[in-house]
All heavy atoms as atom14 arrays in JSON, in Angstrom:
{
  "sequence": "GSDALDRRPQLSAAIADARRMRCPIIVAKLDRLSRDVHFISGLMSHRT",
  "atom14_mask": [
    [1, 1, 1, 1, 0, 0, 0, 0, 0, 0, 0, 0, 0, 0],
    [1, 1, 1, 1, 1, 1, 0, 0, 0, 0, 0, 0, 0, 0],
    [1, 1, 1, 1, 1, 1, 1, 1, 0, 0, 0, 0, 0, 0],
    [1, 1, 1, 1, 1, 0, 0, 0, 0, 0, 0, 0, 0, 0],
    [1, 1, 1, 1, 1, 1, 1, 1, 0, 0, 0, 0, 0, 0],
    [1, 1, 1, 1, 1, 1, 1, 1, 0, 0, 0, 0, 0, 0],
    [1, 1, 1, 1, 1, 1, 1, 1, 1, 1, 1, 0, 0, 0],
    [1, 1, 1, 1, 1, 1, 1, 1, 1, 1, 1, 0, 0, 0],
    [1, 1, 1, 1, 1, 1, 1, 0, 0, 0, 0, 0, 0, 0],
    [1, 1, 1, 1, 1, 1, 1, 1, 1, 0, 0, 0, 0, 0],
    [1, 1, 1, 1, 1, 1, 1, 1, 0, 0, 0, 0, 0, 0],
    [1, 1, 1, 1, 1, 1, 0, 0, 0, 0, 0, 0, 0, 0],
    [1, 1, 1, 1, 1, 0, 0, 0, 0, 0, 0, 0, 0, 0],
    [1, 1, 1, 1, 1, 0, 0, 0, 0, 0, 0, 0, 0, 0],
    [1, 1, 1, 1, 1, 1, 1, 1, 0, 0, 0, 0, 0, 0],
    [1, 1, 1, 1, 1, 0, 0, 0, 0, 0, 0, 0, 0, 0],
    [1, 1, 1, 1, 1, 1, 1, 1, 0, 0, 0, 0, 0, 0],
    [1, 1, 1, 1, 1, 0, 0, 0, 0, 0, 0, 0, 0, 0],
    [1, 1, 1, 1, 1, 1, 1, 1, 1, 1, 1, 0, 0, 0],
    [1, 1, 1, 1, 1, 1, 1, 1, 1, 1, 1, 0, 0, 0],
    [1, 1, 1, 1, 1, 1, 1, 1, 0, 0, 0, 0, 0, 0],
    [1, 1, 1, 1, 1, 1, 1, 1, 1, 1, 1, 0, 0, 0],
    [1, 1, 1, 1, 1, 1, 0, 0, 0, 0, 0, 0, 0, 0],
    [1, 1, 1, 1, 1, 1, 1, 0, 0, 0, 0, 0, 0, 0],
    [1, 1, 1, 1, 1, 1, 1, 1, 0, 0, 0, 0, 0, 0],
    [1, 1, 1, 1, 1, 1, 1, 1, 0, 0, 0, 0, 0, 0],
    [1, 1, 1, 1, 1, 1, 1, 0, 0, 0, 0, 0, 0, 0],
    [1, 1, 1, 1, 1, 0, 0, 0, 0, 0, 0, 0, 0, 0],
    [1, 1, 1, 1, 1, 1, 1, 1, 1, 0, 0, 0, 0, 0],
    [1, 1, 1, 1, 1, 1, 1, 1, 0, 0, 0, 0, 0, 0],
    [1, 1, 1, 1, 1, 1, 1, 1, 0, 0, 0, 0, 0, 0],
    [1, 1, 1, 1, 1, 1, 1, 1, 1, 1, 1, 0, 0, 0],
    [1, 1, 1, 1, 1, 1, 1, 1, 0, 0, 0, 0, 0, 0],
    [1, 1, 1, 1, 1, 1, 0, 0, 0, 0, 0, 0, 0, 0],
    [1, 1, 1, 1, 1, 1, 1, 1, 1, 1, 1, 0, 0, 0],
    [1, 1, 1, 1, 1, 1, 1, 1, 0, 0, 0, 0, 0, 0],
    [1, 1, 1, 1, 1, 1, 1, 0, 0, 0, 0, 0, 0, 0],
    [1, 1, 1, 1, 1, 1, 1, 1, 1, 1, 0, 0, 0, 0],
    [1, 1, 1, 1, 1, 1, 1, 1, 1, 1, 1, 0, 0, 0],
    [1, 1, 1, 1, 1, 1, 1, 1, 0, 0, 0, 0, 0, 0],
    [1, 1, 1, 1, 1, 1, 0, 0, 0, 0, 0, 0, 0, 0],
    [1, 1, 1, 1, 0, 0, 0, 0, 0, 0, 0, 0, 0, 0],
    [1, 1, 1, 1, 1, 1, 1, 1, 0, 0, 0, 0, 0, 0],
    [1, 1, 1, 1, 1, 1, 1, 1, 0, 0, 0, 0, 0, 0],
    [1, 1, 1, 1, 1, 1, 0, 0, 0, 0, 0, 0, 0, 0],
    [1, 1, 1, 1, 1, 1, 1, 1, 1, 1, 0, 0, 0, 0],
    [1, 1, 1, 1, 1, 1, 1, 1, 1, 1, 1, 0, 0, 0],
    [1, 1, 1, 1, 1, 1, 1, 0, 0, 0, 0, 0, 0, 0]
  ],
  "atom14_positions": [
    [[92.94, 89.71, 101.17], [94.28, 89.44, 101.48], [94.74, 90.4, 102.54], [94.39, 91.58, 102.59], [0.0, 0.0, 0.0], [0.0, 0.0, 0.0], [0.0, 0.0, 0.0], [0.0, 0.0, 0.0], [0.0, 0.0, 0.0], [0.0, 0.0, 0.0], [0.0, 0.0, 0.0], [0.0, 0.0, 0.0], [0.0, 0.0, 0.0], [0.0, 0.0, 0.0]],
    [[95.61, 89.87, 103.49], [96.17, 90.71, 104.56], [97.2, 91.6, 104.12], [97.59, 92.48, 104.83], [96.73, 89.86, 105.66], [97.74, 88.94, 105.13], [0.0, 0.0, 0.0], [0.0, 0.0, 0.0], [0.0, 0.0, 0.0], [0.0, 0.0, 0.0], [0.0, 0.0, 0.0], [0.0, 0.0, 0.0], [0.0, 0.0, 0.0], [0.0, 0.0, 0.0]],
    [[97.78, 91.42, 102.86], [98.72, 92.34, 102.38], [98.11, 93.34, 101.29], [98.85, 93.83, 100.49], [99.89, 91.48, 101.65], [99.41, 90.79, 100.43], [98.08, 90.51, 100.35], [100.02, 90.37, 99.46], [0.0, 0.0, 0.0], [0.0, 0.0, 0.0], [0.0, 0.0, 0.0], [0.0, 0.0, 0.0], [0.0, 0.0, 0.0], [0.0, 0.0, 0.0]],
    [[96.8, 93.49, 101.35], [96.03, 94.32, 100.37], [96.51, 95.77, 100.25], [96.4, 96.43, 99.29], [94.56, 94.21, 100.61], [0.0, 0.0, 0.0], [0.0, 0.0, 0.0], [0.0, 0.0, 0.0], [0.0, 0.0, 0.0], [0.0, 0.0, 0.0], [0.0, 0.0, 0.0], [0.0, 0.0, 0.0], [0.0, 0.0, 0.0], [0.0, 0.0, 0.0]],
    [[97.1, 96.21, 101.41], [97.57, 97.71, 101.44], [98.67, 97.82, 100.41], [98.7, 98.98, 99.84], [98.08, 97.98, 102.77], [98.5, 99.54, 103.03], [97.24, 100.4, 102.79], [98.89, 99.62, 104.44], [0.0, 0.0, 0.0], [0.0, 0.0, 0.0], [0.0, 0.0, 0.0], [0.0, 0.0, 0.0], [0.0, 0.0, 0.0], [0.0, 0.0, 0.0]],
    [[99.35, 96.91, 100.04], [100.47, 97.01, 99.07], [99.94, 97.28, 97.63], [100.44, 97.83, 96.79], [101.43, 95.86, 98.89], [102.26, 95.69, 100.24], [102.42, 96.77, 100.92], [102.77, 94.52, 100.43], [0.0, 0.0, 0.0], [0.0, 0.0, 0.0], [0.0, 0.0, 0.0], [0.0, 0.0, 0.0], [0.0, 0.0, 0.0], [0.0, 0.0, 0.0]],
    [[98.61, 96.83, 97.44], [97.97, 97.01, 96.21], [97.01, 98.21, 96.21], [96.21, 98.36, 95.14], [97.25, 95.78, 95.84], [98.13, 94.48, 95.81], [97.42, 93.25, 95.24], [96.05, 93.05, 95.96], [96.02, 92.17, 97.05], [97.12, 91.65, 97.58], [94.88, 91.98, 97.63], [0.0, 0.0, 0.0], [0.0, 0.0, 0.0], [0.0, 0.0, 0.0]],
    [[97.05, 98.91, 97.3], [95.99, 100.1, 97.32], [96.82, 101.4, 97.67], [96.78, 101.9, 98.74], [94.97, 99.71, 98.44], [94.21, 98.6, 97.94], [93.39, 98.0, 99.03], [92.39, 98.74, 99.75], [91.58, 98.32, 100.66], [91.63, 97.02, 101.04], [90.71, 99.13, 101.25], [0.0, 0.0, 0.0], [0.0, 0.0, 0.0], [0.0, 0.0, 0.0]],
    [[97.34, 102.02, 96.57], [98.14, 103.31, 96.77], [97.35, 104.38, 97.31], [97.86, 105.3, 98.0], [98.71, 103.58, 95.41], [97.78, 102.79, 94.53], [97.37, 101.61, 95.2], [0.0, 0.0, 0.0], [0.0, 0.0, 0.0], [0.0, 0.0, 0.0], [0.0, 0.0, 0.0], [0.0, 0.0, 0.0], [0.0, 0.0, 0.0], [0.0, 0.0, 0.0]],
    [[96.08, 104.46, 96.9], [95.11, 105.54, 97.37], [94.96, 105.47, 98.92], [94.79, 106.43, 99.61], [93.81, 105.51, 96.6], [93.97, 105.91, 95.13], [94.21, 107.39, 94.99], [93.89, 108.23, 95.93], [94.67, 107.77, 93.85], [0.0, 0.0, 0.0], [0.0, 0.0, 0.0], [0.0, 0.0, 0.0], [0.0, 0.0, 0.0], [0.0, 0.0, 0.0]],
    [[94.88, 104.29, 99.35], [94.61, 104.19, 100.9], [95.99, 104.52, 101.64], [95.88, 105.22, 102.6], [94.24, 102.67, 101.25], [94.0, 102.47, 102.76], [93.06, 103.38, 103.34], [93.58, 101.02, 102.86], [0.0, 0.0, 0.0], [0.0, 0.0, 0.0], [0.0, 0.0, 0.0], [0.0, 0.0, 0.0], [0.0, 0.0, 0.0], [0.0, 0.0, 0.0]],
    [[97.05, 104.09, 101.01], [98.35, 104.48, 101.58], [98.49, 106.08, 101.66], [98.96, 106.62, 102.51], [99.54, 103.84, 100.81], [99.51, 102.45, 100.86], [0.0, 0.0, 0.0], [0.0, 0.0, 0.0], [0.0, 0.0, 0.0], [0.0, 0.0, 0.0], [0.0, 0.0, 0.0], [0.0, 0.0, 0.0], [0.0, 0.0, 0.0], [0.0, 0.0, 0.0]],
    [[98.18, 106.69, 100.46], [98.2, 108.09, 100.43], [97.16, 108.84, 101.42], [97.6, 109.8, 102.07], [97.82, 108.54, 98.99], [0.0, 0.0, 0.0], [0.0, 0.0, 0.0], [0.0, 0.0, 0.0], [0.0, 0.0, 0.0], [0.0, 0.0, 0.0], [0.0, 0.0, 0.0], [0.0, 0.0, 0.0], [0.0, 0.0, 0.0], [0.0, 0.0, 0.0]],
    [[96.08, 108.18, 101.63], [95.04, 108.66, 102.56], [95.67, 108.68, 104.0], [95.54, 109.62, 104.77], [93.8, 108.01, 102.55], [0.0, 0.0, 0.0], [0.0, 0.0, 0.0], [0.0, 0.0, 0.0], [0.0, 0.0, 0.0], [0.0, 0.0, 0.0], [0.0, 0.0, 0.0], [0.0, 0.0, 0.0], [0.0, 0.0, 0.0], [0.0, 0.0, 0.0]],
    [[96.31, 107.58, 104.32], [96.91, 107.38, 105.61], [98.05, 108.46, 105.89], [98.1, 109.0, 106.9], [97.52, 105.9, 105.77], [96.32, 104.98, 105.85], [98.33, 105.89, 107.11], [96.71, 103.49, 105.94], [0.0, 0.0, 0.0], [0.0, 0.0, 0.0], [0.0, 0.0, 0.0], [0.0, 0.0, 0.0], [0.0, 0.0, 0.0], [0.0, 0.0, 0.0]],
    [[98.91, 108.62, 104.88], [99.92, 109.57, 104.92], [99.36, 111.08, 105.09], [99.92, 111.82, 105.97], [100.74, 109.64, 103.61], [0.0, 0.0, 0.0], [0.0, 0.0, 0.0], [0.0, 0.0, 0.0], [0.0, 0.0, 0.0], [0.0, 0.0, 0.0], [0.0, 0.0, 0.0], [0.0, 0.0, 0.0], [0.0, 0.0, 0.0], [0.0, 0.0, 0.0]],
    [[98.25, 111.33, 104.48], [97.73, 112.65, 104.56], [97.04, 112.79, 105.93], [97.18, 113.83, 106.5], [96.53, 112.86, 103.38], [96.45, 114.32, 103.02], [97.42, 115.06, 103.21], [95.39, 114.67, 102.44], [0.0, 0.0, 0.0], [0.0, 0.0, 0.0], [0.0, 0.0, 0.0], [0.0, 0.0, 0.0], [0.0, 0.0, 0.0], [0.0, 0.0, 0.0]],
    [[96.44, 111.76, 106.36], [95.82, 111.86, 107.68], [96.86, 111.97, 108.89], [96.62, 112.8, 109.8], [94.99, 110.55, 107.95], [0.0, 0.0, 0.0], [0.0, 0.0, 0.0], [0.0, 0.0, 0.0], [0.0, 0.0, 0.0], [0.0, 0.0, 0.0], [0.0, 0.0, 0.0], [0.0, 0.0, 0.0], [0.0, 0.0, 0.0], [0.0, 0.0, 0.0]],
    [[97.97, 111.41, 108.61], [99.06, 111.54, 109.63], [99.51, 112.97, 109.53], [99.77, 113.66, 110.7], [100.24, 110.6, 109.25], [99.99, 109.23, 109.68], [101.22, 108.33, 109.15], [101.19, 106.97, 109.57], [102.03, 106.01, 109.07], [102.82, 106.43, 108.17], [101.81, 104.76, 109.39], [0.0, 0.0, 0.0], [0.0, 0.0, 0.0], [0.0, 0.0, 0.0]],
    [[99.72, 113.51, 108.34], [100.18, 114.97, 108.23], [99.13, 115.91, 108.83], [99.61, 116.85, 109.57], [100.32, 115.27, 106.8], [100.88, 116.68, 106.54], [101.0, 116.94, 105.04], [99.76, 116.73, 104.27], [98.89, 117.71, 104.2], [98.99, 118.89, 104.92], [97.77, 117.54, 103.56], [0.0, 0.0, 0.0], [0.0, 0.0, 0.0], [0.0, 0.0, 0.0]],
    [[97.92, 115.6, 108.71], [96.83, 116.57, 109.26], [96.44, 116.23, 110.69], [95.8, 116.96, 111.28], [95.6, 116.56, 108.37], [95.84, 117.09, 106.94], [94.29, 117.2, 106.02], [93.28, 118.2, 107.16], [0.0, 0.0, 0.0], [0.0, 0.0, 0.0], [0.0, 0.0, 0.0], [0.0, 0.0, 0.0], [0.0, 0.0, 0.0], [0.0, 0.0, 0.0]],
    [[96.87, 115.03, 111.17], [96.43, 114.57, 112.41], [94.98, 114.45, 112.54], [94.36, 115.02, 113.46], [97.02, 115.35, 113.58], [98.56, 115.35, 113.58], [99.19, 116.13, 114.81], [100.6, 116.12, 114.79], [101.42, 116.75, 115.62], [100.73, 117.43, 116.66], [102.68, 116.61, 115.66], [0.0, 0.0, 0.0], [0.0, 0.0, 0.0], [0.0, 0.0, 0.0]],
    [[94.36, 113.77, 111.56], [92.9, 113.76, 111.56], [92.5, 112.32, 111.13], [93.32, 111.49, 110.67], [92.36, 114.71, 110.54], [92.62, 114.33, 108.83], [0.0, 0.0, 0.0], [0.0, 0.0, 0.0], [0.0, 0.0, 0.0], [0.0, 0.0, 0.0], [0.0, 0.0, 0.0], [0.0, 0.0, 0.0], [0.0, 0.0, 0.0], [0.0, 0.0, 0.0]],
    [[91.35, 111.9, 111.3], [90.85, 110.5, 110.94], [90.45, 110.39, 109.49], [90.39, 111.36, 108.87], [89.56, 110.3, 111.94], [89.09, 111.61, 111.92], [90.25, 112.65, 112.11], [0.0, 0.0, 0.0], [0.0, 0.0, 0.0], [0.0, 0.0, 0.0], [0.0, 0.0, 0.0], [0.0, 0.0, 0.0], [0.0, 0.0, 0.0], [0.0, 0.0, 0.0]],
    [[90.3, 109.14, 109.09], [89.87, 108.69, 107.81], [88.43, 108.18, 107.96], [88.24, 107.33, 108.81], [90.75, 107.69, 107.14], [92.14, 108.27, 106.94], [90.21, 107.23, 105.89], [93.14, 107.27, 106.4], [0.0, 0.0, 0.0], [0.0, 0.0, 0.0], [0.0, 0.0, 0.0], [0.0, 0.0, 0.0], [0.0, 0.0, 0.0], [0.0, 0.0, 0.0]],
    [[87.57, 108.73, 107.1], [86.09, 108.26, 107.17], [85.89, 107.25, 106.02], [86.21, 107.66, 104.83], [85.2, 109.4, 107.14], [85.33, 110.29, 108.27], [83.72, 108.85, 107.15], [84.48, 111.54, 108.25], [0.0, 0.0, 0.0], [0.0, 0.0, 0.0], [0.0, 0.0, 0.0], [0.0, 0.0, 0.0], [0.0, 0.0, 0.0], [0.0, 0.0, 0.0]],
    [[85.26, 106.17, 106.34], [84.76, 105.18, 105.11], [83.29, 105.06, 105.38], [82.75, 105.15, 106.53], [85.46, 103.94, 105.14], [87.06, 104.08, 104.89], [85.4, 103.18, 106.48], [0.0, 0.0, 0.0], [0.0, 0.0, 0.0], [0.0, 0.0, 0.0], [0.0, 0.0, 0.0], [0.0, 0.0, 0.0], [0.0, 0.0, 0.0], [0.0, 0.0, 0.0]],
    [[82.63, 104.75, 104.31], [81.2, 104.61, 104.37], [80.8, 103.35, 105.13], [80.03, 103.34, 106.05], [80.57, 104.48, 102.98], [0.0, 0.0, 0.0], [0.0, 0.0, 0.0], [0.0, 0.0, 0.0], [0.0, 0.0, 0.0], [0.0, 0.0, 0.0], [0.0, 0.0, 0.0], [0.0, 0.0, 0.0], [0.0, 0.0, 0.0], [0.0, 0.0, 0.0]],
    [[81.48, 102.2, 104.77], [81.25, 100.92, 105.45], [82.6, 100.2, 105.75], [83.51, 100.48, 105.0], [80.39, 99.95, 104.58], [78.95, 100.51, 104.33], [78.05, 99.62, 103.52], [76.73, 100.14, 103.31], [75.92, 99.14, 102.51], [0.0, 0.0, 0.0], [0.0, 0.0, 0.0], [0.0, 0.0, 0.0], [0.0, 0.0, 0.0], [0.0, 0.0, 0.0]],
    [[82.58, 99.39, 106.77], [83.91, 98.72, 107.0], [84.4, 97.9, 105.95], [85.63, 97.85, 105.77], [83.71, 97.78, 108.3], [84.89, 97.14, 108.96], [85.85, 98.27, 109.46], [84.56, 96.23, 110.0], [0.0, 0.0, 0.0], [0.0, 0.0, 0.0], [0.0, 0.0, 0.0], [0.0, 0.0, 0.0], [0.0, 0.0, 0.0], [0.0, 0.0, 0.0]],
    [[83.48, 97.17, 105.2], [84.08, 96.42, 104.1], [84.69, 97.27, 102.91], [85.43, 96.68, 102.09], [82.98, 95.52, 103.51], [81.84, 96.23, 102.77], [81.89, 97.55, 102.73], [80.93, 95.66, 102.38], [0.0, 0.0, 0.0], [0.0, 0.0, 0.0], [0.0, 0.0, 0.0], [0.0, 0.0, 0.0], [0.0, 0.0, 0.0], [0.0, 0.0, 0.0]],
    [[84.6, 98.59, 102.99], [85.31, 99.41, 102.07], [86.76, 99.47, 102.42], [87.65, 99.77, 101.55], [84.67, 100.81, 101.98], [83.31, 100.95, 101.41], [83.16, 100.19, 100.05], [83.01, 98.69, 100.19], [83.23, 97.9, 99.14], [83.76, 98.3, 97.99], [82.96, 96.6, 99.38], [0.0, 0.0, 0.0], [0.0, 0.0, 0.0], [0.0, 0.0, 0.0]],
    [[87.16, 99.13, 103.67], [88.47, 98.9, 104.07], [88.88, 97.56, 103.72], [89.89, 97.29, 102.98], [88.7, 99.26, 105.55], [88.6, 100.76, 106.06], [88.71, 100.79, 107.48], [89.64, 101.62, 105.33], [0.0, 0.0, 0.0], [0.0, 0.0, 0.0], [0.0, 0.0, 0.0], [0.0, 0.0, 0.0], [0.0, 0.0, 0.0], [0.0, 0.0, 0.0]],
    [[88.25, 96.66, 104.31], [88.48, 95.2, 104.07], [87.51, 94.32, 104.82], [86.93, 94.84, 105.7], [89.94, 94.81, 104.4], [90.14, 93.47, 104.23], [0.0, 0.0, 0.0], [0.0, 0.0, 0.0], [0.0, 0.0, 0.0], [0.0, 0.0, 0.0], [0.0, 0.0, 0.0], [0.0, 0.0, 0.0], [0.0, 0.0, 0.0], [0.0, 0.0, 0.0]],
    [[87.27, 93.08, 104.42], [86.6, 92.06, 105.12], [87.61, 91.14, 105.89], [87.19, 90.14, 106.53], [85.67, 91.19, 104.32], [84.55, 92.02, 103.64], [83.57, 91.18, 102.88], [82.5, 91.78, 102.29], [82.44, 92.38, 101.13], [83.54, 92.22, 100.34], [81.42, 92.91, 100.6], [0.0, 0.0, 0.0], [0.0, 0.0, 0.0], [0.0, 0.0, 0.0]],
    [[88.85, 91.5, 105.76], [89.89, 90.58, 106.41], [90.3, 91.12, 107.68], [90.8, 92.35, 107.75], [91.14, 90.54, 105.44], [92.13, 89.6, 105.91], [92.68, 89.73, 107.01], [92.37, 88.58, 105.15], [0.0, 0.0, 0.0], [0.0, 0.0, 0.0], [0.0, 0.0, 0.0], [0.0, 0.0, 0.0], [0.0, 0.0, 0.0], [0.0, 0.0, 0.0]],
    [[90.25, 90.43, 108.78], [90.47, 90.89, 110.12], [91.93, 91.24, 110.3], [92.2, 92.24, 111.01], [89.97, 89.97, 111.26], [90.73, 88.6, 111.17], [89.95, 90.56, 112.62], [0.0, 0.0, 0.0], [0.0, 0.0, 0.0], [0.0, 0.0, 0.0], [0.0, 0.0, 0.0], [0.0, 0.0, 0.0], [0.0, 0.0, 0.0], [0.0, 0.0, 0.0]],
    [[92.82, 90.52, 109.75], [94.28, 90.75, 109.76], [94.61, 92.19, 109.1], [95.43, 92.91, 109.55], [95.07, 89.67, 109.27], [94.97, 88.35, 109.83], [95.35, 88.13, 111.28], [94.4, 87.18, 109.55], [95.12, 86.95, 111.7], [94.5, 86.3, 110.65], [0.0, 0.0, 0.0], [0.0, 0.0, 0.0], [0.0, 0.0, 0.0], [0.0, 0.0, 0.0]],
    [[93.92, 92.36, 107.98], [94.15, 93.66, 107.28], [93.73, 94.83, 108.18], [94.4, 95.77, 108.27], [93.41, 93.76, 105.99], [93.66, 94.9, 105.11], [94.84, 95.08, 104.55], [92.54, 95.84, 105.04], [95.08, 96.29, 103.79], [92.87, 96.98, 104.36], [93.99, 97.27, 103.76], [0.0, 0.0, 0.0], [0.0, 0.0, 0.0], [0.0, 0.0, 0.0]],
    [[92.43, 94.69, 108.77], [91.9, 95.64, 109.67], [92.92, 95.9, 110.85], [93.28, 96.98, 111.23], [90.58, 95.36, 110.19], [89.52, 95.31, 108.93], [90.16, 96.39, 111.23], [89.32, 96.6, 108.25], [0.0, 0.0, 0.0], [0.0, 0.0, 0.0], [0.0, 0.0, 0.0], [0.0, 0.0, 0.0], [0.0, 0.0, 0.0], [0.0, 0.0, 0.0]],
    [[93.43, 94.76, 111.35], [94.29, 94.9, 112.48], [95.67, 95.69, 112.06], [96.15, 96.46, 112.79], [94.79, 93.51, 112.88], [95.76, 93.56, 114.02], [0.0, 0.0, 0.0], [0.0, 0.0, 0.0], [0.0, 0.0, 0.0], [0.0, 0.0, 0.0], [0.0, 0.0, 0.0], [0.0, 0.0, 0.0], [0.0, 0.0, 0.0], [0.0, 0.0, 0.0]],
    [[96.16, 95.39, 110.82], [97.26, 96.14, 110.39], [97.08, 97.52, 110.14], [97.99, 98.39, 110.5], [0.0, 0.0, 0.0], [0.0, 0.0, 0.0], [0.0, 0.0, 0.0], [0.0, 0.0, 0.0], [0.0, 0.0, 0.0], [0.0, 0.0, 0.0], [0.0, 0.0, 0.0], [0.0, 0.0, 0.0], [0.0, 0.0, 0.0], [0.0, 0.0, 0.0]],
    [[95.83, 97.87, 109.65], [95.51, 99.37, 109.63], [95.59, 100.04, 110.96], [96.05, 101.16, 111.17], [94.17, 99.53, 108.97], [94.03, 99.22, 107.49], [92.59, 99.47, 107.09], [95.07, 100.05, 106.7], [0.0, 0.0, 0.0], [0.0, 0.0, 0.0], [0.0, 0.0, 0.0], [0.0, 0.0, 0.0], [0.0, 0.0, 0.0], [0.0, 0.0, 0.0]],
    [[95.04, 99.31, 112.01], [95.07, 99.85, 113.31], [96.4, 100.13, 113.88], [96.65, 101.16, 114.6], [94.31, 98.98, 114.34], [92.79, 98.68, 113.99], [91.78, 100.21, 113.98], [91.49, 100.39, 112.18], [0.0, 0.0, 0.0], [0.0, 0.0, 0.0], [0.0, 0.0, 0.0], [0.0, 0.0, 0.0], [0.0, 0.0, 0.0], [0.0, 0.0, 0.0]],
    [[97.44, 99.29, 113.39], [98.78, 99.56, 113.81], [99.43, 100.91, 113.34], [100.35, 101.3, 113.91], [99.68, 98.4, 113.42], [99.85, 98.38, 111.97], [0.0, 0.0, 0.0], [0.0, 0.0, 0.0], [0.0, 0.0, 0.0], [0.0, 0.0, 0.0], [0.0, 0.0, 0.0], [0.0, 0.0, 0.0], [0.0, 0.0, 0.0], [0.0, 0.0, 0.0]],
    [[98.81, 101.43, 112.33], [99.31, 102.71, 111.77], [98.95, 103.85, 112.72], [99.42, 104.96, 112.49], [98.7, 103.05, 110.4], [99.35, 102.16, 109.35], [100.55, 102.48, 108.66], [98.99, 100.96, 108.68], [100.77, 101.48, 107.77], [99.85, 100.61, 107.78], [0.0, 0.0, 0.0], [0.0, 0.0, 0.0], [0.0, 0.0, 0.0], [0.0, 0.0, 0.0]],
    [[98.14, 103.54, 113.65], [97.73, 104.63, 114.71], [97.03, 105.76, 113.98], [97.0, 106.83, 114.47], [98.85, 105.06, 115.52], [99.57, 103.95, 116.41], [100.54, 104.4, 117.36], [101.14, 103.28, 117.97], [100.65, 102.68, 119.07], [99.49, 103.01, 119.54], [101.29, 101.67, 119.63], [0.0, 0.0, 0.0], [0.0, 0.0, 0.0], [0.0, 0.0, 0.0]],
    [[96.41, 105.57, 112.79], [95.52, 106.48, 112.2], [94.1, 106.15, 112.55], [93.62, 105.08, 112.16], [95.81, 106.52, 110.62], [97.07, 106.89, 110.38], [94.89, 107.52, 109.97], [0.0, 0.0, 0.0], [0.0, 0.0, 0.0], [0.0, 0.0, 0.0], [0.0, 0.0, 0.0], [0.0, 0.0, 0.0], [0.0, 0.0, 0.0], [0.0, 0.0, 0.0]]
  ]
}
């Protein structure tokens, strides 16, 4: 789902922490973020 971020508080917290530290987030594989291209596009809009 493209709205999956609403159901993933830990990812939201990771993004907030990364913004505060001005650092990137590392994932093992892309599908650990999502297999949905719209969701990935939404994450990119956070500029993290």
